[in-house]
PDB file of N, CA and C in Angstrom:
ATOM      1  N   MET A   1      -1.828 -12.965   1.454  1.00  0.00           N
ATOM      2  CA  MET A   1      -2.418 -11.904   2.235  1.00  0.00           C
ATOM      3  C   MET A   1      -2.330 -10.610   1.433  1.00  0.00           C
ATOM      4  N   ILE A   2      -3.328  -9.770   1.616  1.00  0.00           N
ATOM      5  CA  ILE A   2      -3.360  -8.467   0.951  1.00  0.00           C
ATOM      6  C   ILE A   2      -2.948  -7.395   1.963  1.00  0.00           C
ATOM      7  N   PHE A   3      -2.072  -6.503   1.509  1.00  0.00           N
ATOM      8  CA  PHE A   3      -1.598  -5.403   2.340  1.00  0.00           C
ATOM      9  C   PHE A   3      -2.007  -4.082   1.694  1.00  0.00           C
ATOM     10  N   LYS A   4      -2.391  -3.120   2.530  1.00  0.00           N
ATOM     11  CA  LYS A   4      -2.654  -1.758   2.070  1.00  0.00           C
ATOM     12  C   LYS A   4      -1.429  -0.937   2.408  1.00  0.00           C
ATOM     13  N   VAL A   5      -0.868  -0.285   1.404  1.00  0.00           N
ATOM     14  CA  VAL A   5       0.366   0.484   1.570  1.00  0.00           C
ATOM     15  C   VAL A   5       0.043   1.966   1.429  1.00  0.00           C
ATOM     16  N   PHE A   6       0.405   2.733   2.445  1.00  0.00           N
ATOM     17  CA  PHE A   6       0.256   4.187   2.410  1.00  0.00           C
ATOM     18  C   PHE A   6       1.623   4.770   2.077  1.00  0.00           C
ATOM     19  N   TYR A   7       1.665   5.676   1.102  1.00  0.00           N
ATOM     20  CA  TYR A   7       2.962   6.171   0.644  1.00  0.00           C
ATOM     21  C   TYR A   7       2.871   7.576   0.057  1.00  0.00           C
ATOM     22  N   GLN A   8       4.048   8.197  -0.078  1.00  0.00           N
ATOM     23  CA  GLN A   8       4.226   9.448  -0.810  1.00  0.00           C
ATOM     24  C   GLN A   8       4.994   9.076  -2.075  1.00  0.00           C
ATOM     25  N   GLU A   9       4.673   9.678  -3.202  1.00  0.00           N
ATOM     26  CA  GLU A   9       5.333   9.321  -4.459  1.00  0.00           C
ATOM     27  C   GLU A   9       6.797   9.715  -4.499  1.00  0.00           C
ATOM     28  N   LEU A  10       7.140  10.829  -3.876  1.00  0.00           N
ATOM     29  CA  LEU A  10       8.524  11.289  -3.901  1.00  0.00           C
ATOM     30  C   LEU A  10       9.246  10.827  -2.640  1.00  0.00           C
ATOM     31  N   PRO A  11      10.405  10.193  -2.778  1.00  0.00           N
ATOM     32  CA  PRO A  11      11.087   9.630  -1.616  1.00  0.00           C
ATOM     33  C   PRO A  11      11.492  10.662  -0.565  1.00  0.00           C
ATOM     34  N   GLY A  12      11.767  11.891  -0.954  1.00  0.00           N
ATOM     35  CA  GLY A  12      12.188  12.914  -0.006  1.00  0.00           C
ATOM     36  C   GLY A  12      11.048  13.745   0.538  1.00  0.00           C
ATOM     37  N   GLU A  13       9.827  13.445   0.129  1.00  0.00           N
ATOM     38  CA  GLU A  13       8.672  14.236   0.526  1.00  0.00           C
ATOM     39  C   GLU A  13       8.263  13.931   1.965  1.00  0.00           C
ATOM     40  N   VAL A  14       7.987  14.977   2.701  1.00  0.00           N
ATOM     41  CA  VAL A  14       7.513  14.829   4.074  1.00  0.00           C
ATOM     42  C   VAL A  14       6.065  14.335   4.016  1.00  0.00           C
ATOM     43  N   PRO A  15       5.732  13.289   4.788  1.00  0.00           N
ATOM     44  CA  PRO A  15       4.358  12.773   4.761  1.00  0.00           C
ATOM     45  C   PRO A  15       3.335  13.826   5.185  1.00  0.00           C
ATOM     46  N   VAL A  16       2.387  14.090   4.312  1.00  0.00           N
ATOM     47  CA  VAL A  16       1.291  15.012   4.563  1.00  0.00           C
ATOM     48  C   VAL A  16       0.011  14.269   4.188  1.00  0.00           C
ATOM     49  N   ARG A  17      -0.926  14.223   5.091  1.00  0.00           N
ATOM     50  CA  ARG A  17      -2.130  13.424   4.901  1.00  0.00           C
ATOM     51  C   ARG A  17      -2.816  13.689   3.556  1.00  0.00           C
ATOM     52  N   GLU A  18      -2.904  14.922   3.153  1.00  0.00           N
ATOM     53  CA  GLU A  18      -3.612  15.266   1.918  1.00  0.00           C
ATOM     54  C   GLU A  18      -2.926  14.718   0.668  1.00  0.00           C
ATOM     55  N   ARG A  19      -1.644  14.424   0.749  1.00  0.00           N
ATOM     56  CA  ARG A  19      -0.919  13.900  -0.420  1.00  0.00           C
ATOM     57  C   ARG A  19      -0.590  12.415  -0.293  1.00  0.00           C
ATOM     58  N   THR A  20      -1.025  11.796   0.792  1.00  0.00           N
ATOM     59  CA  THR A  20      -0.771  10.372   0.968  1.00  0.00           C
ATOM     60  C   THR A  20      -1.634   9.572  -0.001  1.00  0.00           C
ATOM     61  N   GLN A  21      -1.003   8.619  -0.658  1.00  0.00           N
ATOM     62  CA  GLN A  21      -1.704   7.739  -1.575  1.00  0.00           C
ATOM     63  C   GLN A  21      -1.664   6.329  -1.023  1.00  0.00           C
ATOM     64  N   SER A  22      -2.471   5.448  -1.588  1.00  0.00           N
ATOM     65  CA  SER A  22      -2.468   4.064  -1.127  1.00  0.00           C
ATOM     66  C   SER A  22      -2.587   3.115  -2.304  1.00  0.00           C
ATOM     67  N   LEU A  23      -2.092   1.917  -2.076  1.00  0.00           N
ATOM     68  CA  LEU A  23      -2.228   0.849  -3.049  1.00  0.00           C
ATOM     69  C   LEU A  23      -2.318  -0.470  -2.311  1.00  0.00           C
ATOM     70  N   TYR A  24      -2.735  -1.501  -3.013  1.00  0.00           N
ATOM     71  CA  TYR A  24      -2.939  -2.810  -2.414  1.00  0.00           C
ATOM     72  C   TYR A  24      -2.016  -3.802  -3.097  1.00  0.00           C
ATOM     73  N   VAL A  25      -1.317  -4.594  -2.274  1.00  0.00           N
ATOM     74  CA  VAL A  25      -0.333  -5.545  -2.789  1.00  0.00           C
ATOM     75  C   VAL A  25      -0.557  -6.896  -2.131  1.00  0.00           C
ATOM     76  N   GLU A  26      -0.468  -7.956  -2.924  1.00  0.00           N
ATOM     77  CA  GLU A  26      -0.541  -9.307  -2.376  1.00  0.00           C
ATOM     78  C   GLU A  26       0.873  -9.799  -2.102  1.00  0.00           C
ATOM     79  N   ALA A  27       1.103 -10.254  -0.868  1.00  0.00           N
ATOM     80  CA  ALA A  27       2.428 -10.732  -0.462  1.00  0.00           C
ATOM     81  C   ALA A  27       2.282 -11.584   0.796  1.00  0.00           C
ATOM     82  N   ASP A  28       3.375 -12.247   1.179  1.00  0.00           N
ATOM     83  CA  ASP A  28       3.375 -13.084   2.381  1.00  0.00           C
ATOM     84  C   ASP A  28       3.773 -12.316   3.638  1.00  0.00           C
ATOM     85  N   SER A  29       4.486 -11.176   3.469  1.00  0.00           N
ATOM     86  CA  SER A  29       4.957 -10.416   4.624  1.00  0.00           C
ATOM     87  C   SER A  29       5.165  -8.956   4.233  1.00  0.00           C
ATOM     88  N   GLU A  30       5.326  -8.109   5.253  1.00  0.00           N
ATOM     89  CA  GLU A  30       5.614  -6.697   5.001  1.00  0.00           C
ATOM     90  C   GLU A  30       6.950  -6.548   4.276  1.00  0.00           C
ATOM     91  N   LYS A  31       7.908  -7.360   4.647  1.00  0.00           N
ATOM     92  CA  LYS A  31       9.216  -7.306   3.997  1.00  0.00           C
ATOM     93  C   LYS A  31       9.095  -7.591   2.504  1.00  0.00           C
ATOM     94  N   GLU A  32       8.274  -8.563   2.142  1.00  0.00           N
ATOM     95  CA  GLU A  32       8.069  -8.873   0.728  1.00  0.00           C
ATOM     96  C   GLU A  32       7.404  -7.708  -0.002  1.00  0.00           C
ATOM     97  N   VAL A  33       6.483  -7.032   0.664  1.00  0.00           N
ATOM     98  CA  VAL A  33       5.847  -5.847   0.069  1.00  0.00           C
ATOM     99  C   VAL A  33       6.910  -4.790  -0.222  1.00  0.00           C
ATOM    100  N   ARG A  34       7.763  -4.519   0.758  1.00  0.00           N
ATOM    101  CA  ARG A  34       8.834  -3.523   0.564  1.00  0.00           C
ATOM    102  C   ARG A  34       9.758  -3.929  -0.583  1.00  0.00           C
ATOM    103  N   ASN A  35      10.094  -5.201  -0.664  1.00  0.00           N
ATOM    104  CA  ASN A  35      10.959  -5.674  -1.752  1.00  0.00           C
ATOM    105  C   ASN A  35      10.282  -5.502  -3.108  1.00  0.00           C
ATOM    106  N   LYS A  36       8.990  -5.784  -3.178  1.00  0.00           N
ATOM    107  CA  LYS A  36       8.264  -5.648  -4.438  1.00  0.00           C
ATOM    108  C   LYS A  36       8.179  -4.194  -4.898  1.00  0.00           C
ATOM    109  N   LEU A  37       8.095  -3.266  -3.953  1.00  0.00           N
ATOM    110  CA  LEU A  37       7.941  -1.847  -4.289  1.00  0.00           C
ATOM    111  C   LEU A  37       9.261  -1.079  -4.294  1.00  0.00           C
ATOM    112  N   TYR A  38      10.366  -1.752  -4.025  1.00  0.00           N
ATOM    113  CA  TYR A  38      11.665  -1.098  -3.894  1.00  0.00           C
ATOM    114  C   TYR A  38      12.025  -0.261  -5.121  1.00  0.00           C
ATOM    115  N   ASP A  39      11.809  -0.787  -6.305  1.00  0.00           N
ATOM    116  CA  ASP A  39      12.205  -0.080  -7.534  1.00  0.00           C
ATOM    117  C   ASP A  39      11.354   1.151  -7.819  1.00  0.00           C
ATOM    118  N   ARG A  40      10.230   1.303  -7.166  1.00  0.00           N
ATOM    119  CA  ARG A  40       9.373   2.478  -7.377  1.00  0.00           C
ATOM    120  C   ARG A  40       9.831   3.688  -6.567  1.00  0.00           C
ATOM    121  N   LYS A  41      10.706   3.489  -5.601  1.00  0.00           N
ATOM    122  CA  LYS A  41      11.284   4.572  -4.797  1.00  0.00           C
ATOM    123  C   LYS A  41      10.236   5.401  -4.050  1.00  0.00           C
ATOM    124  N   TYR A  42       9.172   4.750  -3.602  1.00  0.00           N
ATOM    125  CA  TYR A  42       8.149   5.432  -2.811  1.00  0.00           C
ATOM    126  C   TYR A  42       8.654   5.691  -1.403  1.00  0.00           C
ATOM    127  N   ASN A  43       8.134   6.725  -0.784  1.00  0.00           N
ATOM    128  CA  ASN A  43       8.355   6.975   0.632  1.00  0.00           C
ATOM    129  C   ASN A  43       7.195   6.279   1.361  1.00  0.00           C
ATOM    130  N   ILE A  44       7.419   5.034   1.767  1.00  0.00           N
ATOM    131  CA  ILE A  44       6.361   4.240   2.385  1.00  0.00           C
ATOM    132  C   ILE A  44       6.180   4.677   3.832  1.00  0.00           C
ATOM    133  N   GLU A  45       4.952   5.083   4.155  1.00  0.00           N
ATOM    134  CA  GLU A  45       4.622   5.516   5.510  1.00  0.00           C
ATOM    135  C   GLU A  45       4.223   4.335   6.386  1.00  0.00           C
ATOM    136  N   PHE A  46       3.357   3.482   5.842  1.00  0.00           N
ATOM    137  CA  PHE A  46       2.774   2.428   6.658  1.00  0.00           C
ATOM    138  C   PHE A  46       2.287   1.295   5.766  1.00  0.00           C
ATOM    139  N   ILE A  47       2.457   0.067   6.232  1.00  0.00           N
ATOM    140  CA  ILE A  47       1.954  -1.110   5.527  1.00  0.00           C
ATOM    141  C   ILE A  47       1.007  -1.820   6.480  1.00  0.00           C
ATOM    142  N   HIS A  48      -0.240  -1.949   6.052  1.00  0.00           N
ATOM    143  CA  HIS A  48      -1.282  -2.501   6.914  1.00  0.00           C
ATOM    144  C   HIS A  48      -1.814  -3.813   6.344  1.00  0.00           C
ATOM    145  N   PRO A  49      -1.654  -4.929   7.071  1.00  0.00           N
ATOM    146  CA  PRO A  49      -2.234  -6.191   6.603  1.00  0.00           C
ATOM    147  C   PRO A  49      -3.758  -6.149   6.768  1.00  0.00           C
ATOM    148  N   LEU A  50      -4.479  -6.570   5.747  1.00  0.00           N
ATOM    149  CA  LEU A  50      -5.938  -6.521   5.787  1.00  0.00           C
ATOM    150  C   LEU A  50      -6.513  -7.878   6.162  1.00  0.00           C
ATOM    151  N   ASP A  51      -7.348  -7.903   7.204  1.00  0.00           N
ATOM    152  CA  ASP A  51      -8.055  -9.141   7.521  1.00  0.00           C
ATOM    153  C   ASP A  51      -9.258  -9.252   6.576  1.00  0.00           C
ATOM    154  N   GLU A  52      -9.970 -10.345   6.649  1.00  0.00           N
ATOM    155  CA  GLU A  52     -11.060 -10.618   5.702  1.00  0.00           C
ATOM    156  C   GLU A  52     -12.129  -9.527   5.699  1.00  0.00           C
ATOM    157  N   ALA A  53     -12.553  -9.098   6.883  1.00  0.00           N
ATOM    158  CA  ALA A  53     -13.598  -8.067   6.980  1.00  0.00           C
ATOM    159  C   ALA A  53     -13.126  -6.741   6.391  1.00  0.00           C
ATOM    160  N   HIS A  54     -11.900  -6.349   6.724  1.00  0.00           N
ATOM    161  CA  HIS A  54     -11.360  -5.084   6.214  1.00  0.00           C
ATOM    162  C   HIS A  54     -11.180  -5.155   4.700  1.00  0.00           C
ATOM    163  N   LEU A  55     -10.705  -6.283   4.198  1.00  0.00           N
ATOM    164  CA  LEU A  55     -10.522  -6.460   2.756  1.00  0.00           C
ATOM    165  C   LEU A  55     -11.860  -6.348   2.028  1.00  0.00           C
ATOM    166  N   ASN A  56     -12.895  -6.971   2.556  1.00  0.00           N
ATOM    167  CA  ASN A  56     -14.222  -6.872   1.932  1.00  0.00           C
ATOM    168  C   ASN A  56     -14.725  -5.440   1.910  1.00  0.00           C
ATOM    169  N   TYR A  57     -14.444  -4.693   2.976  1.00  0.00           N
ATOM    170  CA  TYR A  57     -14.816  -3.278   3.015  1.00  0.00           C
ATOM    171  C   TYR A  57     -14.051  -2.481   1.949  1.00  0.00           C
ATOM    172  N   GLU A  58     -12.744  -2.714   1.852  1.00  0.00           N
ATOM    173  CA  GLU A  58     -11.915  -1.998   0.879  1.00  0.00           C
ATOM    174  C   GLU A  58     -12.343  -2.306  -0.554  1.00  0.00           C
ATOM    175  N   LYS A  59     -12.762  -3.529  -0.816  1.00  0.00           N
ATOM    176  CA  LYS A  59     -13.184  -3.931  -2.165  1.00  0.00           C
ATOM    177  C   LYS A  59     -14.406  -3.159  -2.641  1.00  0.00           C
ATOM    178  N   GLN A  60     -15.182  -2.606  -1.731  1.00  0.00           N
ATOM    179  CA  GLN A  60     -16.362  -1.827  -2.085  1.00  0.00           C
ATOM    180  C   GLN A  60     -15.994  -0.438  -2.614  1.00  0.00           C
ATOM    181  N   SER A  61     -14.774  -0.011  -2.360  1.00  0.00           N
ATOM    182  CA  SER A  61     -14.321   1.312  -2.796  1.00  0.00           C
ATOM    183  C   SER A  61     -14.020   1.311  -4.285  1.00  0.00           C
ATOM    184  N   GLU A  62     -14.312   2.420  -4.934  1.00  0.00           N
ATOM    185  CA  GLU A  62     -13.997   2.550  -6.359  1.00  0.00           C
ATOM    186  C   GLU A  62     -12.489   2.655  -6.587  1.00  0.00           C
ATOM    187  N   HIS A  63     -11.714   2.920  -5.531  1.00  0.00           N
ATOM    188  CA  HIS A  63     -10.263   3.067  -5.642  1.00  0.00           C
ATOM    189  C   HIS A  63      -9.515   1.752  -5.435  1.00  0.00           C
ATOM    190  N   PHE A  64     -10.252   0.689  -5.115  1.00  0.00           N
ATOM    191  CA  PHE A  64      -9.583  -0.606  -4.866  1.00  0.00           C
ATOM    192  C   PHE A  64      -9.095  -1.198  -6.177  1.00  0.00           C
ATOM    193  N   LYS A  65      -7.781  -1.422  -6.225  1.00  0.00           N
ATOM    194  CA  LYS A  65      -7.161  -2.084  -7.369  1.00  0.00           C
ATOM    195  C   LYS A  65      -5.947  -2.816  -6.836  1.00  0.00           C
ATOM    196  N   LEU A  66      -5.915  -4.110  -7.013  1.00  0.00           N
ATOM    197  CA  LEU A  66      -4.798  -4.911  -6.539  1.00  0.00           C
ATOM    198  C   LEU A  66      -3.639  -4.773  -7.516  1.00  0.00           C
ATOM    199  N   GLU A  67      -2.492  -4.293  -7.008  1.00  0.00           N
ATOM    200  CA  GLU A  67      -1.309  -4.098  -7.844  1.00  0.00           C
ATOM    201  C   GLU A  67      -0.688  -5.441  -8.224  1.00  0.00           C
ATOM    202  N   THR A  68      -0.253  -5.551  -9.440  1.00  0.00           N
ATOM    203  CA  THR A  68       0.497  -6.734  -9.858  1.00  0.00           C
ATOM    204  C   THR A  68       1.956  -6.337  -9.937  1.00  0.00           C
ATOM    205  N   VAL A  69       2.719  -6.798  -8.981  1.00  0.00           N
ATOM    206  CA  VAL A  69       4.133  -6.428  -8.889  1.00  0.00           C
ATOM    207  C   VAL A  69       4.971  -7.669  -9.069  1.00  0.00           C
TER     208      VAL A  69
END
Protein backbone atom coordinates (compact mmCIF):
# COMPACT_ATOMS: atom_id res chain seq x y z
CA MET A 1 0.00 0.00 0.00
CA ILE A 2 1.13 3.55 -0.70
CA PHE A 3 0.86 6.17 2.03
CA LYS A 4 1.04 9.95 1.69
CA VAL A 5 2.92 11.48 4.61
CA PHE A 6 2.47 15.13 5.57
CA TYR A 7 5.36 16.47 7.64
CA GLN A 8 7.51 19.38 8.80
CA GLU A 9 11.26 18.98 8.27
CA LEU A 10 12.22 20.21 11.72
CA PRO A 11 11.00 18.06 14.62
CA GLY A 12 10.29 21.05 16.90
CA GLU A 13 8.53 23.10 14.24
CA VAL A 14 4.89 23.97 14.78
CA PRO A 15 2.80 22.65 11.85
CA VAL A 16 1.98 25.50 9.47
CA ARG A 17 0.15 24.69 6.25
CA GLU A 18 2.46 26.78 4.07
CA ARG A 19 5.53 24.84 5.24
CA THR A 20 3.98 21.38 5.26
CA GLN A 21 5.67 18.99 2.87
CA SER A 22 4.60 15.57 1.67
CA LEU A 23 6.13 12.36 0.47
CA TYR A 24 4.92 8.95 -0.61
CA VAL A 25 6.03 5.71 1.03
CA GLU A 26 5.21 2.09 0.28
CA ALA A 27 4.51 0.07 3.44
CA ASP A 28 2.06 -2.41 4.99
CA SER A 29 0.91 -0.12 7.84
CA GLU A 30 1.19 3.37 9.30
CA LYS A 31 3.48 1.99 11.98
CA GLU A 32 5.85 0.67 9.31
CA VAL A 33 5.86 4.10 7.65
CA ARG A 34 6.83 5.73 10.96
CA ASN A 35 9.58 3.15 11.49
CA LYS A 36 10.96 3.73 7.99
CA LEU A 37 11.06 7.51 8.50
CA TYR A 38 12.26 7.44 12.12
CA ASP A 39 15.89 8.29 11.31
CA ARG A 40 14.87 11.40 9.34
CA LYS A 41 13.48 13.05 12.51
CA TYR A 42 10.50 14.59 10.70
CA ASN A 43 7.60 16.08 12.60
CA ILE A 44 4.94 13.86 11.01
CA GLU A 45 1.52 15.51 10.99
CA PHE A 46 -0.57 12.91 9.22
CA ILE A 47 -0.21 9.62 7.34
CA HIS A 48 -2.90 8.98 4.75
CA PRO A 49 -3.35 5.58 3.06
CA LEU A 50 -4.12 6.05 -0.64
CA ASP A 51 -6.80 3.97 -2.32
CA GLU A 52 -6.48 3.16 -6.03
CA ALA A 53 -8.41 6.21 -7.27
CA HIS A 54 -6.53 8.63 -5.01
CA LEU A 55 -3.18 7.07 -5.95
CA ASN A 56 -3.94 7.46 -9.67
CA TYR A 57 -4.82 11.11 -9.06
CA GLU A 58 -1.59 11.71 -7.10
CA LYS A 59 0.49 10.07 -9.86
CA GLN A 60 -0.64 12.81 -12.25
CA SER A 61 1.12 15.43 -10.11
CA GLU A 62 4.62 16.54 -11.05
CA HIS A 63 5.51 16.24 -7.33
CA PHE A 64 4.71 12.51 -7.11
CA LYS A 65 7.82 10.52 -6.27
CA LEU A 66 7.73 7.26 -4.37
CA GLU A 67 10.39 7.29 -1.64
CA THR A 68 12.69 4.30 -1.37
CA VAL A 69 13.29 3.82 2.33
